[in-house]
C-alpha atoms as a PDB file:
ATOM      1  CA  MET A   1      94.057 216.176  19.626  1.00  0.00           C
ATOM      2  CA  VAL A   2      94.839 220.030  19.959  1.00  0.00           C
ATOM      3  CA  LEU A   3      91.369 221.226  20.029  1.00  0.00           C
ATOM      4  CA  SER A   4      90.400 218.975  22.422  1.00  0.00           C
ATOM      5  CA  PHE A   5      92.936 220.395  24.489  1.00  0.00           C
ATOM      6  CA  ILE A   6      92.119 223.632  24.226  1.00  0.00           C
ATOM      7  CA  LYS A   7      88.055 223.219  24.828  1.00  0.00           C
ATOM      8  CA  ASN A   8      89.251 221.398  27.928  1.00  0.00           C
ATOM      9  CA  ALA A   9      91.992 224.338  29.605  1.00  0.00           C
ATOM     10  CA  LEU A  10      89.176 226.958  28.621  1.00  0.00           C
ATOM     11  CA  ARG A  11      86.739 224.920  30.727  1.00  0.00           C
ATOM     12  CA  LEU A  12      89.058 224.587  32.891  1.00  0.00           C
ATOM     13  CA  ARG A  13      89.935 228.050  32.933  1.00  0.00           C
ATOM     14  CA  THR A  14      85.855 229.546  33.395  1.00  0.00           C
ATOM     15  CA  LEU A  15      85.749 226.692  36.584  1.00  0.00           C
ATOM     16  CA  MET A  16      88.377 228.770  38.353  1.00  0.00           C
ATOM     17  CA  SER A  17      86.821 232.109  37.309  1.00  0.00           C
ATOM     18  CA  ILE A  18      83.574 231.154  39.142  1.00  0.00           C
ATOM     19  CA  THR A  19      85.141 229.756  41.961  1.00  0.00           C
ATOM     20  CA  ILE A  20      87.667 232.768  42.191  1.00  0.00           C
ATOM     21  CA  LEU A  21      84.668 234.650  42.468  1.00  0.00           C
ATOM     22  CA  ALA A  22      82.200 233.226  44.478  1.00  0.00           C
ATOM     23  CA  PHE A  23      85.021 232.996  47.207  1.00  0.00           C
ATOM     24  CA  PHE A  24      85.685 236.860  47.138  1.00  0.00           C
ATOM     25  CA  SER A  25      81.899 237.801  46.072  1.00  0.00           C
ATOM     26  CA  PRO A  26      80.028 238.716  49.360  1.00  0.00           C
ATOM     27  CA  LEU A  27      77.301 237.024  50.698  1.00  0.00           C
ATOM     28  CA  VAL A  28      74.243 238.365  51.314  1.00  0.00           C
ATOM     29  CA  ALA A  29      73.420 237.779  55.069  1.00  0.00           C
ATOM     30  CA  LYS A  30      69.243 236.619  54.873  1.00  0.00           C
ATOM     31  CA  ALA A  31      67.971 238.312  58.133  1.00  0.00           C
ATOM     32  CA  PHE A  32      66.689 241.754  58.961  1.00  0.00           C
ATOM     33  CA  PRO A  33      66.607 244.617  57.257  1.00  0.00           C
ATOM     34  CA  ILE A  34      67.772 242.731  54.478  1.00  0.00           C
ATOM     35  CA  TYR A  35      64.780 241.573  53.148  1.00  0.00           C
ATOM     36  CA  ALA A  36      63.400 245.295  52.711  1.00  0.00           C
ATOM     37  CA  GLN A  37      66.569 246.728  52.433  1.00  0.00           C
ATOM     38  CA  GLN A  38      66.667 244.842  48.433  1.00  0.00           C
ATOM     39  CA  SER A  39      63.004 244.787  47.846  1.00  0.00           C
ATOM     40  CA  TYR A  40      61.987 248.234  48.528  1.00  0.00           C
ATOM     41  CA  ALA A  41      63.704 251.340  47.564  1.00  0.00           C
ATOM     42  CA  ASN A  42      62.029 253.547  50.917  1.00  0.00           C
ATOM     43  CA  PRO A  43      60.743 251.919  53.789  1.00  0.00           C
ATOM     44  CA  ARG A  44      57.738 253.655  54.315  1.00  0.00           C
ATOM     45  CA  GLU A  45      54.893 253.172  51.483  1.00  0.00           C
ATOM     46  CA  ALA A  46      53.152 256.048  49.295  1.00  0.00           C
ATOM     47  CA  ASN A  47      49.642 255.404  51.874  1.00  0.00           C
ATOM     48  CA  GLY A  48      52.285 255.763  55.390  1.00  0.00           C
ATOM     49  CA  ARG A  49      52.722 252.045  56.302  1.00  0.00           C
ATOM     50  CA  ILE A  50      56.288 250.858  56.851  1.00  0.00           C
ATOM     51  CA  VAL A  51      57.196 248.028  54.835  1.00  0.00           C
ATOM     52  CA  CYS A  52      58.025 245.656  57.779  1.00  0.00           C
ATOM     53  CA  ALA A  53      54.282 245.272  58.913  1.00  0.00           C
ATOM     54  CA  ASN A  54      54.284 243.159  55.265  1.00  0.00           C
ATOM     55  CA  CYS A  55      55.995 240.152  57.502  1.00  0.00           C
ATOM     56  CA  HIS A  56      54.968 240.900  61.077  1.00  0.00           C
ATOM     57  CA  LEU A  57      51.282 241.277  60.911  1.00  0.00           C
ATOM     58  CA  ALA A  58      50.448 241.177  64.590  1.00  0.00           C
ATOM     59  CA  GLN A  59      50.277 245.021  65.606  1.00  0.00           C
ATOM     60  CA  LYS A  60      52.683 245.979  68.657  1.00  0.00           C
ATOM     61  CA  SER A  61      53.102 249.222  70.532  1.00  0.00           C
ATOM     62  CA  THR A  62      56.412 251.377  69.790  1.00  0.00           C
ATOM     63  CA  GLU A  63      57.253 254.824  71.207  1.00  0.00           C
ATOM     64  CA  ILE A  64      59.627 257.288  70.645  1.00  0.00           C
ATOM     65  CA  GLU A  65      61.354 259.853  72.806  1.00  0.00           C
ATOM     66  CA  SER A  66      63.734 262.698  71.258  1.00  0.00           C
ATOM     67  CA  PRO A  67      64.073 266.366  72.038  1.00  0.00           C
ATOM     68  CA  ALA A  68      61.652 269.032  70.732  1.00  0.00           C
ATOM     69  CA  SER A  69      63.470 271.267  68.903  1.00  0.00           C
ATOM     70  CA  VAL A  70      67.238 270.665  68.279  1.00  0.00           C
ATOM     71  CA  LEU A  71      70.632 273.263  66.878  1.00  0.00           C
ATOM     72  CA  PRO A  72      71.923 272.769  63.890  1.00  0.00           C
ATOM     73  CA  ASP A  73      75.323 270.419  63.867  1.00  0.00           C
ATOM     74  CA  SER A  74      74.305 269.289  67.160  1.00  0.00           C
ATOM     75  CA  VAL A  75      74.177 265.853  68.248  1.00  0.00           C
ATOM     76  CA  PHE A  76      70.906 264.591  70.046  1.00  0.00           C
ATOM     77  CA  GLU A  77      69.432 260.641  70.851  1.00  0.00           C
ATOM     78  CA  ALA A  78      66.526 259.444  69.666  1.00  0.00           C
ATOM     79  CA  VAL A  79      65.510 256.834  71.924  1.00  0.00           C
ATOM     80  CA  ILE A  80      63.140 253.958  70.417  1.00  0.00           C
ATOM     81  CA  LYS A  81      61.058 252.014  72.952  1.00  0.00           C
ATOM     82  CA  ILE A  82      60.188 248.466  71.952  1.00  0.00           C
ATOM     83  CA  PRO A  83      57.921 247.272  75.214  1.00  0.00           C
ATOM     84  CA  TYR A  84      57.214 243.587  75.733  1.00  0.00           C
ATOM     85  CA  ASP A  85      57.014 240.663  78.200  1.00  0.00           C
ATOM     86  CA  THR A  86      60.931 239.176  78.297  1.00  0.00           C
ATOM     87  CA  ASN A  87      59.889 235.629  79.488  1.00  0.00           C
ATOM     88  CA  SER A  88      58.269 235.112  75.737  1.00  0.00           C
ATOM     89  CA  GLN A  89      59.523 232.654  73.551  1.00  0.00           C
ATOM     90  CA  GLN A  90      59.076 232.852  69.944  1.00  0.00           C
ATOM     91  CA  VAL A  91      59.864 229.143  67.759  1.00  0.00           C
ATOM     92  CA  LEU A  92      62.667 229.542  65.818  1.00  0.00           C
ATOM     93  CA  GLY A  93      63.077 228.632  61.953  1.00  0.00           C
ATOM     94  CA  ASN A  94      64.663 225.096  63.641  1.00  0.00           C
ATOM     95  CA  GLY A  95      61.354 224.700  65.560  1.00  0.00           C
ATOM     96  CA  LYS A  96      62.846 225.525  68.788  1.00  0.00           C
ATOM     97  CA  LYS A  97      62.044 227.967  70.922  1.00  0.00           C
ATOM     98  CA  GLY A  98      64.418 230.968  71.928  1.00  0.00           C
ATOM     99  CA  GLY A  99      63.973 234.826  72.866  1.00  0.00           C
ATOM    100  CA  LEU A 100      62.917 237.453  71.382  1.00  0.00           C
ATOM    101  CA  ASN A 101      64.970 239.188  68.641  1.00  0.00           C
ATOM    102  CA  VAL A 102      64.358 243.562  67.847  1.00  0.00           C
ATOM    103  CA  GLY A 103      64.819 245.517  65.157  1.00  0.00           C
ATOM    104  CA  ALA A 104      63.960 249.198  64.041  1.00  0.00           C
ATOM    105  CA  VAL A 105      64.212 251.506  61.353  1.00  0.00           C
ATOM    106  CA  VAL A 106      63.885 255.551  62.105  1.00  0.00           C
ATOM    107  CA  ILE A 107      63.255 257.681  58.922  1.00  0.00           C
ATOM    108  CA  LEU A 108      64.516 261.224  59.533  1.00  0.00           C
ATOM    109  CA  PRO A 109      64.166 264.289  57.743  1.00  0.00           C
ATOM    110  CA  GLU A 110      66.147 264.516  54.838  1.00  0.00           C
ATOM    111  CA  GLY A 111      69.778 266.189  55.897  1.00  0.00           C
ATOM    112  CA  PHE A 112      69.548 264.717  59.302  1.00  0.00           C
ATOM    113  CA  LYS A 113      71.858 261.610  59.268  1.00  0.00           C
ATOM    114  CA  LEU A 114      74.242 259.246  62.391  1.00  0.00           C
ATOM    115  CA  ALA A 115      76.140 261.010  64.069  1.00  0.00           C
ATOM    116  CA  PRO A 116      79.929 260.124  63.543  1.00  0.00           C
ATOM    117  CA  SER A 117      81.780 258.358  65.700  1.00  0.00           C
ATOM    118  CA  ALA A 118      83.960 260.626  66.987  1.00  0.00           C
ATOM    119  CA  ARG A 119      81.156 262.826  68.056  1.00  0.00           C
ATOM    120  CA  ILE A 120      79.422 260.016  69.807  1.00  0.00           C
ATOM    121  CA  PRO A 121      79.364 260.557  73.573  1.00  0.00           C
ATOM    122  CA  ASN A 122      81.016 257.682  75.706  1.00  0.00           C
ATOM    123  CA  GLU A 123      77.282 257.478  77.514  1.00  0.00           C
ATOM    124  CA  ILE A 124      75.930 256.522  74.447  1.00  0.00           C
ATOM    125  CA  LYS A 125      78.262 254.127  72.698  1.00  0.00           C
ATOM    126  CA  THR A 126      78.365 252.302  76.507  1.00  0.00           C
ATOM    127  CA  LYS A 127      74.380 251.345  76.088  1.00  0.00           C
ATOM    128  CA  ASN A 128      74.165 250.938  72.742  1.00  0.00           C
ATOM    129  CA  LYS A 129      77.207 248.260  73.103  1.00  0.00           C
ATOM    130  CA  GLY A 130      76.338 245.217  70.626  1.00  0.00           C
ATOM    131  CA  VAL A 131      74.278 247.294  68.326  1.00  0.00           C
ATOM    132  CA  TYR A 132      75.208 248.218  65.294  1.00  0.00           C
ATOM    133  CA  ILE A 133      73.283 250.983  63.257  1.00  0.00           C
ATOM    134  CA  SER A 134      73.476 251.559  59.399  1.00  0.00           C
ATOM    135  CA  PRO A 135      71.942 253.854  56.890  1.00  0.00           C
ATOM    136  CA  TYR A 136      69.192 252.366  55.093  1.00  0.00           C
ATOM    137  CA  ASN A 137      71.955 252.550  51.651  1.00  0.00           C
ATOM    138  CA  ALA A 138      73.480 254.394  50.009  1.00  0.00           C
ATOM    139  CA  GLN A 139      71.228 256.729  48.359  1.00  0.00           C
ATOM    140  CA  ASN A 140      69.109 257.233  51.783  1.00  0.00           C
ATOM    141  CA  ASP A 141      71.819 258.101  54.778  1.00  0.00           C
ATOM    142  CA  ASN A 142      68.566 259.826  56.819  1.00  0.00           C
ATOM    143  CA  ILE A 143      67.147 256.188  57.525  1.00  0.00           C
ATOM    144  CA  LEU A 144      68.530 254.102  60.061  1.00  0.00           C
ATOM    145  CA  VAL A 145      68.246 250.623  60.536  1.00  0.00           C
ATOM    146  CA  VAL A 146      69.309 248.003  62.840  1.00  0.00           C
ATOM    147  CA  GLY A 147      68.965 244.849  63.628  1.00  0.00           C
ATOM    148  CA  PRO A 148      67.860 241.591  64.367  1.00  0.00           C
ATOM    149  CA  ILE A 149      69.652 242.183  67.583  1.00  0.00           C
ATOM    150  CA  SER A 150      68.478 240.367  71.432  1.00  0.00           C
ATOM    151  CA  GLY A 151      65.762 241.579  72.947  1.00  0.00           C
ATOM    152  CA  ASP A 152      66.410 241.039  76.059  1.00  0.00           C
ATOM    153  CA  LYS A 153      68.913 243.787  76.489  1.00  0.00           C
ATOM    154  CA  HIS A 154      67.546 246.283  73.955  1.00  0.00           C
ATOM    155  CA  ARG A 155      64.414 246.801  74.363  1.00  0.00           C
ATOM    156  CA  GLU A 156      65.235 250.632  74.027  1.00  0.00           C
ATOM    157  CA  ILE A 157      67.525 251.430  70.787  1.00  0.00           C
ATOM    158  CA  ILE A 158      69.193 254.836  71.257  1.00  0.00           C
ATOM    159  CA  PHE A 159      69.948 256.174  68.060  1.00  0.00           C
ATOM    160  CA  PRO A 160      72.418 259.454  67.840  1.00  0.00           C
ATOM    161  CA  VAL A 161      71.698 261.807  65.205  1.00  0.00           C
ATOM    162  CA  LEU A 162      73.791 264.278  63.923  1.00  0.00           C
ATOM    163  CA  SER A 163      71.573 267.402  62.323  1.00  0.00           C
ATOM    164  CA  PRO A 164      71.967 269.335  59.382  1.00  0.00           C
ATOM    165  CA  ASP A 165      73.252 272.641  58.993  1.00  0.00           C
ATOM    166  CA  PRO A 166      71.654 275.205  56.824  1.00  0.00           C
ATOM    167  CA  LYS A 167      74.747 276.878  56.906  1.00  0.00           C
ATOM    168  CA  THR A 168      76.852 274.661  54.692  1.00  0.00           C
ATOM    169  CA  ASN A 169      73.669 272.743  53.112  1.00  0.00           C
ATOM    170  CA  LYS A 170      71.408 275.192  51.496  1.00  0.00           C
ATOM    171  CA  ASP A 171      68.844 271.964  51.098  1.00  0.00           C
ATOM    172  CA  VAL A 172      67.849 272.213  54.300  1.00  0.00           C
ATOM    173  CA  LYS A 173      65.789 275.152  56.803  1.00  0.00           C
ATOM    174  CA  PHE A 174      64.910 275.935  60.127  1.00  0.00           C
ATOM    175  CA  LEU A 175      61.696 274.534  60.180  1.00  0.00           C
ATOM    176  CA  LYS A 176      59.588 271.479  62.056  1.00  0.00           C
ATOM    177  CA  TYR A 177      60.111 267.930  60.588  1.00  0.00           C
ATOM    178  CA  PRO A 178      58.612 264.649  60.887  1.00  0.00           C
ATOM    179  CA  ILE A 179      60.295 261.274  61.954  1.00  0.00           C
ATOM    180  CA  TYR A 180      58.629 258.428  61.551  1.00  0.00           C
ATOM    181  CA  VAL A 181      59.732 255.114  63.140  1.00  0.00           C
ATOM    182  CA  GLY A 182      58.881 251.386  63.411  1.00  0.00           C
ATOM    183  CA  ALA A 183      59.984 247.935  65.385  1.00  0.00           C
ATOM    184  CA  ASN A 184      59.106 244.922  65.205  1.00  0.00           C
ATOM    185  CA  ARG A 185      60.054 242.371  68.095  1.00  0.00           C
ATOM    186  CA  GLY A 186      59.943 238.259  66.636  1.00  0.00           C
ATOM    187  CA  ARG A 187      60.113 237.397  63.710  1.00  0.00           C
ATOM    188  CA  GLY A 188      57.916 238.051  61.183  1.00  0.00           C
ATOM    189  CA  GLN A 189      55.091 235.517  59.702  1.00  0.00           C
ATOM    190  CA  ILE A 190      55.480 235.811  56.397  1.00  0.00           C
ATOM    191  CA  GLY A 191      59.188 235.390  54.400  1.00  0.00           C
ATOM    192  CA  PRO A 192      60.441 237.114  51.438  1.00  0.00           C
ATOM    193  CA  ASP A 193      59.463 234.910  48.749  1.00  0.00           C
ATOM    194  CA  GLY A 194      55.964 235.242  49.926  1.00  0.00           C
ATOM    195  CA  LEU A 195      55.002 231.945  51.965  1.00  0.00           C
ATOM    196  CA  LYS A 196      53.959 231.725  55.253  1.00  0.00           C
ATOM    197  CA  THR A 197      57.046 230.903  58.219  1.00  0.00           C
ATOM    198  CA  ASN A 198      56.718 228.967  61.052  1.00  0.00           C
ATOM    199  CA  ASN A 199      55.611 231.226  63.201  1.00  0.00           C
ATOM    200  CA  ASN A 200      51.642 230.808  62.519  1.00  0.00           C
ATOM    201  CA  LEU A 201      49.261 228.487  63.526  1.00  0.00           C
ATOM    202  CA  VAL A 202      47.927 225.761  61.344  1.00  0.00           C
ATOM    203  CA  THR A 203      44.266 225.263  60.379  1.00  0.00           C
ATOM    204  CA  ALA A 204      42.027 222.612  59.290  1.00  0.00           C
ATOM    205  CA  PRO A 205      42.019 222.475  54.842  1.00  0.00           C
ATOM    206  CA  ILE A 206      38.623 220.662  55.465  1.00  0.00           C
ATOM    207  CA  THR A 207      35.981 219.855  57.318  1.00  0.00           C
ATOM    208  CA  GLY A 208      35.978 216.116  58.964  1.00  0.00           C
ATOM    209  CA  GLN A 209      37.330 214.277  61.407  1.00  0.00           C
ATOM    210  CA  ILE A 210      40.678 213.731  62.511  1.00  0.00           C
ATOM    211  CA  THR A 211      41.648 210.172  61.539  1.00  0.00           C
ATOM    212  CA  GLN A 212      45.524 210.074  62.434  1.00  0.00           C
ATOM    213  CA  VAL A 213      47.912 212.664  64.305  1.00  0.00           C
ATOM    214  CA  GLU A 214      51.173 211.347  63.653  1.00  0.00           C
ATOM    215  CA  THR A 215      54.946 212.864  64.324  1.00  0.00           C
ATOM    216  CA  ASN A 216      57.901 211.659  63.125  1.00  0.00           C
ATOM    217  CA  GLU A 217      61.375 211.592  64.325  1.00  0.00           C
ATOM    218  CA  LYS A 218      62.201 215.174  63.033  1.00  0.00           C
ATOM    219  CA  GLY A 219      59.774 216.141  65.367  1.00  0.00           C
ATOM    220  CA  ILE A 220      57.096 217.151  62.431  1.00  0.00           C
ATOM    221  CA  SER A 221      53.978 216.119  62.374  1.00  0.00           C
ATOM    222  CA  MET A 222      50.890 214.644  60.060  1.00  0.00           C
ATOM    223  CA  ILE A 223      47.339 216.079  60.381  1.00  0.00           C
ATOM    224  CA  SER A 224      44.987 213.086  58.675  1.00  0.00           C
ATOM    225  CA  ILE A 225      41.438 214.005  57.960  1.00  0.00           C
ATOM    226  CA  SER A 226      38.420 212.726  56.380  1.00  0.00           C
ATOM    227  CA  ASP A 227      35.236 214.069  54.931  1.00  0.00           C
ATOM    228  CA  LYS A 228      32.086 212.857  54.402  1.00  0.00           C
ATOM    229  CA  GLU A 229      33.084 211.436  51.877  1.00  0.00           C
ATOM    230  CA  GLY A 230      36.257 209.072  53.165  1.00  0.00           C
ATOM    231  CA  ASN A 231      38.695 211.418  51.383  1.00  0.00           C
ATOM    232  CA  ILE A 232      41.950 212.268  53.342  1.00  0.00           C
ATOM    233  CA  THR A 233      43.357 214.790  53.359  1.00  0.00           C
ATOM    234  CA  ASN A 234      47.113 215.755  55.529  1.00  0.00           C
ATOM    235  CA  GLN A 235      48.348 218.897  56.942  1.00  0.00           C
ATOM    236  CA  GLU A 236      51.429 218.966  57.937  1.00  0.00           C
ATOM    237  CA  VAL A 237      52.532 221.011  61.022  1.00  0.00           C
ATOM    238  CA  PRO A 238      55.780 222.021  61.240  1.00  0.00           C
ATOM    239  CA  LYS A 239      58.150 221.184  64.589  1.00  0.00           C
ATOM    240  CA  GLY A 240      57.738 222.972  67.113  1.00  0.00           C
ATOM    241  CA  LEU A 241      53.792 224.117  67.051  1.00  0.00           C
ATOM    242  CA  ASP A 242      51.277 223.063  70.173  1.00  0.00           C
ATOM    243  CA  ILE A 243      48.682 220.814  68.311  1.00  0.00           C
ATOM    244  CA  VAL A 244      45.497 221.089  70.325  1.00  0.00           C
ATOM    245  CA  VAL A 245      43.537 218.339  68.403  1.00  0.00           C
ATOM    246  CA  SER A 246      42.996 214.900  68.771  1.00  0.00           C
ATOM    247  CA  GLN A 247      42.437 211.727  66.259  1.00  0.00           C
ATOM    248  CA  GLY A 248      38.232 211.215  66.561  1.00  0.00           C
ATOM    249  CA  LYS A 249      37.613 215.172  67.002  1.00  0.00           C
ATOM    250  CA  ILE A 250      35.531 217.085  64.317  1.00  0.00           C
ATOM    251  CA  VAL A 251      37.329 220.296  62.781  1.00  0.00           C
ATOM    252  CA  LYS A 252      35.277 222.229  60.191  1.00  0.00           C
ATOM    253  CA  ALA A 253      37.563 223.969  57.588  1.00  0.00           C
ATOM    254  CA  ASP A 254      40.155 226.914  58.698  1.00  0.00           C
ATOM    255  CA  GLN A 255      39.286 225.827  62.116  1.00  0.00           C
ATOM    256  CA  PRO A 256      42.942 226.233  63.864  1.00  0.00           C
ATOM    257  CA  LEU A 257      44.622 223.055  64.614  1.00  0.00           C
ATOM    258  CA  THR A 258      47.282 224.272  66.856  1.00  0.00           C
ATOM    259  CA  ARG A 259      48.185 227.516  69.336  1.00  0.00           C
ATOM    260  CA  ASP A 260      48.972 230.435  67.955  1.00  0.00           C
ATOM    261  CA  PRO A 261      53.141 230.071  67.948  1.00  0.00           C
ATOM    262  CA  ASN A 262      53.831 234.233  67.583  1.00  0.00           C
ATOM    263  CA  VAL A 263      54.649 236.475  70.498  1.00  0.00           C
ATOM    264  CA  GLY A 264      55.671 239.087  68.638  1.00  0.00           C
ATOM    265  CA  GLY A 265      54.836 241.731  66.268  1.00  0.00           C
ATOM    266  CA  PHE A 266      55.609 245.013  64.503  1.00  0.00           C
ATOM    267  CA  GLY A 267      53.900 248.914  65.562  1.00  0.00           C
ATOM    268  CA  GLN A 268      55.186 251.903  64.286  1.00  0.00           C
ATOM    269  CA  THR A 269      54.397 255.822  65.580  1.00  0.00           C
ATOM    270  CA  GLU A 270      56.039 259.370  64.605  1.00  0.00           C
ATOM    271  CA  THR A 271      57.176 262.166  66.212  1.00  0.00           C
ATOM    272  CA  GLU A 272      58.127 265.961  65.121  1.00  0.00           C
ATOM    273  CA  ILE A 273      61.301 268.416  65.899  1.00  0.00           C
ATOM    274  CA  VAL A 274      61.854 271.827  65.086  1.00  0.00           C
ATOM    275  CA  LEU A 275      65.323 272.589  63.953  1.00  0.00           C
ATOM    276  CA  GLN A 276      65.917 275.646  66.013  1.00  0.00           C
ATOM    277  CA  ASP A 277      67.598 278.977  64.561  1.00  0.00           C
ATOM    278  CA  PRO A 278      70.400 280.219  67.281  1.00  0.00           C
ATOM    279  CA  LEU A 279      69.430 283.237  66.282  1.00  0.00           C
ATOM    280  CA  ARG A 280      65.781 283.435  67.025  1.00  0.00           C
ATOM    281  CA  ILE A 281      66.552 281.877  70.443  1.00  0.00           C
ATOM    282  CA  VAL A 282      69.088 284.690  71.034  1.00  0.00           C
ATOM    283  CA  GLY A 283      66.368 287.117  69.536  1.00  0.00           C
ATOM    284  CA  TYR A 284      63.682 285.971  72.039  1.00  0.00           C
ATOM    285  CA  ILE A 285      66.362 286.000  74.970  1.00  0.00           C
ATOM    286  CA  ILE A 286      66.412 289.895  74.400  1.00  0.00           C
ATOM    287  CA  PHE A 287      63.175 290.235  73.753  1.00  0.00           C
ATOM    288  CA  ALA A 288      61.346 288.325  76.985  1.00  0.00           C
ATOM    289  CA  PHE A 289      64.627 290.526  78.762  1.00  0.00           C
ATOM    290  CA  THR A 290      63.210 293.597  77.347  1.00  0.00           C
ATOM    291  CA  VAL A 291      59.484 292.703  78.321  1.00  0.00           C
ATOM    292  CA  ILE A 292      60.741 292.106  81.686  1.00  0.00           C
ATOM    293  CA  VAL A 293      62.510 294.774  82.526  1.00  0.00           C
ATOM    294  CA  CYS A 294      59.908 297.344  81.139  1.00  0.00           C
ATOM    295  CA  GLN A 295      57.327 295.415  83.481  1.00  0.00           C
ATOM    296  CA  LEU A 296      59.838 296.134  86.272  1.00  0.00           C
ATOM    297  CA  LEU A 297      60.131 299.776  84.907  1.00  0.00           C
ATOM    298  CA  LEU A 298      56.329 300.188  84.921  1.00  0.00           C
ATOM    299  CA  VAL A 299      56.216 298.391  88.807  1.00  0.00           C
ATOM    300  CA  PHE A 300      58.710 300.900  89.678  1.00  0.00           C
ATOM    301  CA  LYS A 301      56.656 303.934  88.195  1.00  0.00           C
ATOM    302  CA  LYS A 302      53.432 302.770  89.695  1.00  0.00           C
ATOM    303  CA  LYS A 303      55.226 302.803  93.447  1.00  0.00           C
ATOM    304  CA  GLN A 304      56.952 306.281  92.660  1.00  0.00           C
ATOM    305  CA  PHE A 305      53.374 307.900  91.355  1.00  0.00           C
ATOM    306  CA  GLU A 306      51.562 306.099  94.754  1.00  0.00           C
ATOM    307  CA  LYS A 307      54.100 307.619  96.811  1.00  0.00           C
ATOM    308  CA  VAL A 308      53.799 311.291  95.287  1.00  0.00           C
ATOM    309  CA  GLN A 309      50.075 310.901  95.380  1.00  0.00           C
ATOM    310  CA  ALA A 310      50.455 309.491  99.145  1.00  0.00           C
ATOM    311  CA  ALA A 311      53.142 312.413 100.393  1.00  0.00           C
ATOM    312  CA  GLU A 312      50.087 315.182  98.486  1.00  0.00           C
ATOM    313  CA  MET A 313      47.667 313.680  99.960  1.00  0.00           C
ATOM    314  CA  ASN A 314      49.427 314.069 103.882  1.00  0.00           C
ATOM    315  CA  PHE A 315      50.290 317.531 102.846  1.00  0.00           C
END
């Protein structure tokens, strides 16, 4: 009796502990860029490809605008442009149509990082309203990610970046550094588990004749295909996809049964930035001033010589 009571008490205590732990534990958001952050310590692979391309298979353009050079311990803008047609609508996870979302990753040189809020100009804060930029992880604060956010208002994303100071960071030198950028628009075709999403066209599994096309109350369609021997193969079509075949049509294996729903894609680009030494600028200004003064003195001397020569000829 006492032993049974002790066992029940221990079970209750364990259950309460699990419940409390589950309640207070942070929930992991299943959205970009969490997939990449959980699977890759660094979003840029050895071959130079950014890992977002593993899920967003279509190739699109991406642009970056940034200064050619910056001074130490200064805030500058890296503007990521994600062009696409705002009238485009994607198939959402529930099969409905909706606007495209966007996301981006910026891989800065070591020492560069997201500018602190106190140093970001109010103009940039106003433009970035609703945009939450964060470091990729605790170990890589030079890698910044954002998304998913609405693409209708954020086809341009401003990353306020703070440059390092070699005086306080001995690992940083006054050199030219690369900046790598990747940006996606719309949903991916592959999920983090390696399975296809509903943002893919559906193809025929076999060659044969379509005998039936049915759609249930949930909007999911089933296409039945009969081969030469009369064997039936069923192909499920997720909700939201447009079927382009009909009953009685002959199809070949891997022939599209639906339109391609994907209207988004991923693109990456890169640029270079120079961490400029202020003393070099001062030295260049002094050099340029000296050259200008020397040139002026040569011109004045030439004019003086011409006047003297003219006077001697008249004499």
